Amino acid sequence: MNKIKEYRERHGLTQEELARRLKIDRSSVAKWESGCNTPRLAHLLELAKIFRCSIDELVNEKK
């Protein structure tokens, strides 16, 4: 899910800062960004709020 990394960097957040806002471990964010794991729906909803985008924008490869 390179989109999460793209949006995180665009918003000037570190993995640690994003993890803190989501109340999860930084390693979870790292796993999402590397494609080793995918966020749960609840986390996708929260990510969309933080990044002010749709879930669709986060999960689809096309811009």
PDB file of N, CA and C in Angstrom:
ATOM      1  N   MET A   1       0.832  -1.181   0.000  1.00  0.00           N
ATOM      2  CA  MET A   1       0.000   0.000   0.000  1.00  0.00           C
ATOM      3  C   MET A   1       0.882   1.252   0.000  1.00  0.00           C
ATOM      4  N   ASN A   2       1.557   1.471  -1.098  1.00  0.00           N
ATOM      5  CA  ASN A   2       2.426   2.632  -1.196  1.00  0.00           C
ATOM      6  C   ASN A   2       1.663   3.938  -1.102  1.00  0.00           C
ATOM      7  N   LYS A   3       0.362   3.907  -1.328  1.00  0.00           N
ATOM      8  CA  LYS A   3      -0.446   5.113  -1.217  1.00  0.00           C
ATOM      9  C   LYS A   3      -0.416   5.638   0.215  1.00  0.00           C
ATOM     10  N   ILE A   4      -0.416   4.752   1.185  1.00  0.00           N
ATOM     11  CA  ILE A   4      -0.380   5.195   2.577  1.00  0.00           C
ATOM     12  C   ILE A   4       0.917   5.959   2.825  1.00  0.00           C
ATOM     13  N   LYS A   5       2.026   5.438   2.346  1.00  0.00           N
ATOM     14  CA  LYS A   5       3.299   6.134   2.501  1.00  0.00           C
ATOM     15  C   LYS A   5       3.260   7.475   1.784  1.00  0.00           C
ATOM     16  N   GLU A   6       2.736   7.482   0.570  1.00  0.00           N
ATOM     17  CA  GLU A   6       2.635   8.715  -0.213  1.00  0.00           C
ATOM     18  C   GLU A   6       1.822   9.779   0.536  1.00  0.00           C
ATOM     19  N   TYR A   7       0.660   9.390   1.035  1.00  0.00           N
ATOM     20  CA  TYR A   7      -0.191  10.329   1.756  1.00  0.00           C
ATOM     21  C   TYR A   7       0.450  10.747   3.083  1.00  0.00           C
ATOM     22  N   ARG A   8       1.072   9.804   3.770  1.00  0.00           N
ATOM     23  CA  ARG A   8       1.724  10.122   5.043  1.00  0.00           C
ATOM     24  C   ARG A   8       2.810  11.161   4.835  1.00  0.00           C
ATOM     25  N   GLU A   9       3.652  10.941   3.831  1.00  0.00           N
ATOM     26  CA  GLU A   9       4.736  11.880   3.558  1.00  0.00           C
ATOM     27  C   GLU A   9       4.191  13.231   3.095  1.00  0.00           C
ATOM     28  N   ARG A  10       3.140  13.210   2.291  1.00  0.00           N
ATOM     29  CA  ARG A  10       2.521  14.445   1.819  1.00  0.00           C
ATOM     30  C   ARG A  10       2.014  15.291   2.990  1.00  0.00           C
ATOM     31  N   HIS A  11       1.572  14.610   4.056  1.00  0.00           N
ATOM     32  CA  HIS A  11       1.062  15.308   5.239  1.00  0.00           C
ATOM     33  C   HIS A  11       2.147  15.554   6.289  1.00  0.00           C
ATOM     34  N   GLY A  12       3.393  15.226   5.945  1.00  0.00           N
ATOM     35  CA  GLY A  12       4.518  15.513   6.823  1.00  0.00           C
ATOM     36  C   GLY A  12       4.534  14.713   8.109  1.00  0.00           C
ATOM     37  N   LEU A  13       4.018  13.491   8.051  1.00  0.00           N
ATOM     38  CA  LEU A  13       3.978  12.633   9.233  1.00  0.00           C
ATOM     39  C   LEU A  13       5.026  11.533   9.138  1.00  0.00           C
ATOM     40  N   THR A  14       5.611  11.187  10.269  1.00  0.00           N
ATOM     41  CA  THR A  14       6.476  10.012  10.325  1.00  0.00           C
ATOM     42  C   THR A  14       5.589   8.787  10.562  1.00  0.00           C
ATOM     43  N   GLN A  15       6.154   7.608  10.398  1.00  0.00           N
ATOM     44  CA  GLN A  15       5.406   6.386  10.713  1.00  0.00           C
ATOM     45  C   GLN A  15       4.987   6.403  12.174  1.00  0.00           C
ATOM     46  N   GLU A  16       5.871   6.855  13.035  1.00  0.00           N
ATOM     47  CA  GLU A  16       5.587   6.902  14.468  1.00  0.00           C
ATOM     48  C   GLU A  16       4.418   7.840  14.770  1.00  0.00           C
ATOM     49  N   GLU A  17       4.415   9.015  14.152  1.00  0.00           N
ATOM     50  CA  GLU A  17       3.336   9.985  14.373  1.00  0.00           C
ATOM     51  C   GLU A  17       1.993   9.446  13.889  1.00  0.00           C
ATOM     52  N   LEU A  18       2.000   8.831  12.709  1.00  0.00           N
ATOM     53  CA  LEU A  18       0.761   8.255  12.183  1.00  0.00           C
ATOM     54  C   LEU A  18       0.275   7.130  13.080  1.00  0.00           C
ATOM     55  N   ALA A  19       1.181   6.280  13.507  1.00  0.00           N
ATOM     56  CA  ALA A  19       0.820   5.174  14.398  1.00  0.00           C
ATOM     57  C   ALA A  19       0.214   5.698  15.698  1.00  0.00           C
ATOM     58  N   ARG A  20       0.799   6.743  16.246  1.00  0.00           N
ATOM     59  CA  ARG A  20       0.279   7.340  17.477  1.00  0.00           C
ATOM     60  C   ARG A  20      -1.152   7.838  17.278  1.00  0.00           C
ATOM     61  N   ARG A  21      -1.408   8.482  16.151  1.00  0.00           N
ATOM     62  CA  ARG A  21      -2.763   8.999  15.877  1.00  0.00           C
ATOM     63  C   ARG A  21      -3.773   7.866  15.723  1.00  0.00           C
ATOM     64  N   LEU A  22      -3.298   6.716  15.214  1.00  0.00           N
ATOM     65  CA  LEU A  22      -4.176   5.563  15.030  1.00  0.00           C
ATOM     66  C   LEU A  22      -4.211   4.652  16.258  1.00  0.00           C
ATOM     67  N   LYS A  23      -3.358   4.959  17.250  1.00  0.00           N
ATOM     68  CA  LYS A  23      -3.246   4.151  18.472  1.00  0.00           C
ATOM     69  C   LYS A  23      -2.837   2.706  18.159  1.00  0.00           C
ATOM     70  N   ILE A  24      -1.816   2.598  17.307  1.00  0.00           N
ATOM     71  CA  ILE A  24      -1.269   1.295  16.930  1.00  0.00           C
ATOM     72  C   ILE A  24       0.257   1.369  16.995  1.00  0.00           C
ATOM     73  N   ASP A  25       0.925   0.235  16.787  1.00  0.00           N
ATOM     74  CA  ASP A  25       2.385   0.196  16.750  1.00  0.00           C
ATOM     75  C   ASP A  25       2.901   0.717  15.418  1.00  0.00           C
ATOM     76  N   ARG A  26       4.067   1.352  15.464  1.00  0.00           N
ATOM     77  CA  ARG A  26       4.694   1.841  14.237  1.00  0.00           C
ATOM     78  C   ARG A  26       4.947   0.717  13.246  1.00  0.00           C
ATOM     79  N   SER A  27       5.219  -0.479  13.767  1.00  0.00           N
ATOM     80  CA  SER A  27       5.497  -1.615  12.883  1.00  0.00           C
ATOM     81  C   SER A  27       4.300  -1.956  12.007  1.00  0.00           C
ATOM     82  N   SER A  28       3.090  -1.692  12.476  1.00  0.00           N
ATOM     83  CA  SER A  28       1.903  -1.936  11.656  1.00  0.00           C
ATOM     84  C   SER A  28       1.895  -1.014  10.448  1.00  0.00           C
ATOM     85  N   VAL A  29       2.225   0.248  10.662  1.00  0.00           N
ATOM     86  CA  VAL A  29       2.287   1.205   9.555  1.00  0.00           C
ATOM     87  C   VAL A  29       3.367   0.767   8.565  1.00  0.00           C
ATOM     88  N   ALA A  30       4.507   0.358   9.080  1.00  0.00           N
ATOM     89  CA  ALA A  30       5.608  -0.095   8.222  1.00  0.00           C
ATOM     90  C   ALA A  30       5.181  -1.307   7.378  1.00  0.00           C
ATOM     91  N   LYS A  31       4.443  -2.227   7.978  1.00  0.00           N
ATOM     92  CA  LYS A  31       3.979  -3.410   7.253  1.00  0.00           C
ATOM     93  C   LYS A  31       2.975  -3.038   6.167  1.00  0.00           C
ATOM     94  N   TRP A  32       2.105  -2.075   6.452  1.00  0.00           N
ATOM     95  CA  TRP A  32       1.159  -1.614   5.429  1.00  0.00           C
ATOM     96  C   TRP A  32       1.917  -1.024   4.252  1.00  0.00           C
ATOM     97  N   GLU A  33       2.891  -0.177   4.564  1.00  0.00           N
ATOM     98  CA  GLU A  33       3.628   0.514   3.513  1.00  0.00           C
ATOM     99  C   GLU A  33       4.487  -0.427   2.685  1.00  0.00           C
ATOM    100  N   SER A  34       4.953  -1.500   3.280  1.00  0.00           N
ATOM    101  CA  SER A  34       5.783  -2.457   2.541  1.00  0.00           C
ATOM    102  C   SER A  34       4.945  -3.504   1.820  1.00  0.00           C
ATOM    103  N   GLY A  35       3.646  -3.521   2.086  1.00  0.00           N
ATOM    104  CA  GLY A  35       2.772  -4.488   1.429  1.00  0.00           C
ATOM    105  C   GLY A  35       2.712  -5.827   2.127  1.00  0.00           C
ATOM    106  N   CYS A  36       3.339  -5.945   3.293  1.00  0.00           N
ATOM    107  CA  CYS A  36       3.316  -7.205   4.042  1.00  0.00           C
ATOM    108  C   CYS A  36       1.981  -7.441   4.736  1.00  0.00           C
ATOM    109  N   ASN A  37       1.225  -6.374   4.948  1.00  0.00           N
ATOM    110  CA  ASN A  37      -0.051  -6.464   5.650  1.00  0.00           C
ATOM    111  C   ASN A  37      -0.956  -5.366   5.125  1.00  0.00           C
ATOM    112  N   THR A  38      -2.248  -5.484   5.365  1.00  0.00           N
ATOM    113  CA  THR A  38      -3.187  -4.444   4.953  1.00  0.00           C
ATOM    114  C   THR A  38      -3.973  -3.959   6.169  1.00  0.00           C
ATOM    115  N   PRO A  39      -4.340  -2.689   6.159  1.00  0.00           N
ATOM    116  CA  PRO A  39      -5.078  -2.145   7.296  1.00  0.00           C
ATOM    117  C   PRO A  39      -6.498  -2.699   7.372  1.00  0.00           C
ATOM    118  N   ARG A  40      -7.010  -2.802   8.576  1.00  0.00           N
ATOM    119  CA  ARG A  40      -8.410  -3.176   8.777  1.00  0.00           C
ATOM    120  C   ARG A  40      -9.292  -2.025   8.335  1.00  0.00           C
ATOM    121  N   LEU A  41     -10.552  -2.323   8.115  1.00  0.00           N
ATOM    122  CA  LEU A  41     -11.490  -1.301   7.663  1.00  0.00           C
ATOM    123  C   LEU A  41     -11.528  -0.107   8.607  1.00  0.00           C
ATOM    124  N   ALA A  42     -11.539  -0.355   9.899  1.00  0.00           N
ATOM    125  CA  ALA A  42     -11.570   0.740  10.870  1.00  0.00           C
ATOM    126  C   ALA A  42     -10.363   1.660  10.703  1.00  0.00           C
ATOM    127  N   HIS A  43      -9.199   1.074  10.431  1.00  0.00           N
ATOM    128  CA  HIS A  43      -8.001   1.889  10.227  1.00  0.00           C
ATOM    129  C   HIS A  43      -8.062   2.620   8.890  1.00  0.00           C
ATOM    130  N   LEU A  44      -8.617   1.980   7.868  1.00  0.00           N
ATOM    131  CA  LEU A  44      -8.776   2.663   6.582  1.00  0.00           C
ATOM    132  C   LEU A  44      -9.682   3.881   6.723  1.00  0.00           C
ATOM    133  N   LEU A  45     -10.755   3.730   7.491  1.00  0.00           N
ATOM    134  CA  LEU A  45     -11.666   4.855   7.727  1.00  0.00           C
ATOM    135  C   LEU A  45     -10.937   5.998   8.418  1.00  0.00           C
ATOM    136  N   GLU A  46     -10.135   5.680   9.413  1.00  0.00           N
ATOM    137  CA  GLU A  46      -9.394   6.699  10.147  1.00  0.00           C
ATOM    138  C   GLU A  46      -8.316   7.330   9.263  1.00  0.00           C
ATOM    139  N   LEU A  47      -7.638   6.515   8.463  1.00  0.00           N
ATOM    140  CA  LEU A  47      -6.633   7.049   7.540  1.00  0.00           C
ATOM    141  C   LEU A  47      -7.260   8.029   6.553  1.00  0.00           C
ATOM    142  N   ALA A  48      -8.425   7.687   6.037  1.00  0.00           N
ATOM    143  CA  ALA A  48      -9.124   8.567   5.096  1.00  0.00           C
ATOM    144  C   ALA A  48      -9.461   9.901   5.755  1.00  0.00           C
ATOM    145  N   LYS A  49      -9.831   9.872   7.024  1.00  0.00           N
ATOM    146  CA  LYS A  49     -10.119  11.117   7.744  1.00  0.00           C
ATOM    147  C   LYS A  49      -8.843  11.939   7.931  1.00  0.00           C
ATOM    148  N   ILE A  50      -7.777  11.285   8.352  1.00  0.00           N
ATOM    149  CA  ILE A  50      -6.507  11.978   8.592  1.00  0.00           C
ATOM    150  C   ILE A  50      -5.986  12.614   7.302  1.00  0.00           C
ATOM    151  N   PHE A  51      -6.063  11.855   6.208  1.00  0.00           N
ATOM    152  CA  PHE A  51      -5.505  12.316   4.935  1.00  0.00           C
ATOM    153  C   PHE A  51      -6.501  13.105   4.088  1.00  0.00           C
ATOM    154  N   ARG A  52      -7.745  13.206   4.570  1.00  0.00           N
ATOM    155  CA  ARG A  52      -8.806  13.916   3.841  1.00  0.00           C
ATOM    156  C   ARG A  52      -8.944  13.402   2.413  1.00  0.00           C
ATOM    157  N   CYS A  53      -9.123  12.081   2.317  1.00  0.00           N
ATOM    158  CA  CYS A  53      -9.308  11.431   1.031  1.00  0.00           C
ATOM    159  C   CYS A  53     -10.315  10.302   1.215  1.00  0.00           C
ATOM    160  N   SER A  54     -10.647   9.646   0.130  1.00  0.00           N
ATOM    161  CA  SER A  54     -11.566   8.512   0.228  1.00  0.00           C
ATOM    162  C   SER A  54     -10.771   7.220   0.441  1.00  0.00           C
ATOM    163  N   ILE A  55     -11.444   6.227   0.945  1.00  0.00           N
ATOM    164  CA  ILE A  55     -10.810   4.909   1.079  1.00  0.00           C
ATOM    165  C   ILE A  55     -10.401   4.406  -0.295  1.00  0.00           C
ATOM    166  N   ASP A  56     -11.234   4.674  -1.280  1.00  0.00           N
ATOM    167  CA  ASP A  56     -10.949   4.267  -2.646  1.00  0.00           C
ATOM    168  C   ASP A  56      -9.596   4.817  -3.121  1.00  0.00           C
ATOM    169  N   GLU A  57      -9.319   6.065  -2.778  1.00  0.00           N
ATOM    170  CA  GLU A  57      -8.038   6.666  -3.164  1.00  0.00           C
ATOM    171  C   GLU A  57      -6.864   5.974  -2.471  1.00  0.00           C
ATOM    172  N   LEU A  58      -7.084   5.497  -1.274  1.00  0.00           N
ATOM    173  CA  LEU A  58      -6.016   4.822  -0.527  1.00  0.00           C
ATOM    174  C   LEU A  58      -5.703   3.436  -1.066  1.00  0.00           C
ATOM    175  N   VAL A  59      -6.710   2.724  -1.531  1.00  0.00           N
ATOM    176  CA  VAL A  59      -6.509   1.323  -1.886  1.00  0.00           C
ATOM    177  C   VAL A  59      -6.318   1.076  -3.385  1.00  0.00           C
ATOM    178  N   ASN A  60      -6.729   2.005  -4.221  1.00  0.00           N
ATOM    179  CA  ASN A  60      -6.575   1.816  -5.663  1.00  0.00           C
ATOM    180  C   ASN A  60      -5.254   2.370  -6.138  1.00  0.00           C
ATOM    181  N   GLU A  61      -4.654   1.655  -7.055  1.00  0.00           N
ATOM    182  CA  GLU A  61      -3.344   2.061  -7.593  1.00  0.00           C
ATOM    183  C   GLU A  61      -3.478   3.251  -8.530  1.00  0.00           C
ATOM    184  N   LYS A  62      -4.597   3.366  -9.234  1.00  0.00           N
ATOM    185  CA  LYS A  62      -4.776   4.480 -10.164  1.00  0.00           C
ATOM    186  C   LYS A  62      -5.045   5.753  -9.398  1.00  0.00           C
ATOM    187  N   LYS A  63      -4.568   6.865  -9.919  1.00  0.00           N
ATOM    188  CA  LYS A  63      -4.792   8.160  -9.272  1.00  0.00           C
ATOM    189  C   LYS A  63      -6.083   8.761  -9.750  1.00  0.00           C
TER     190      LYS A  63
END
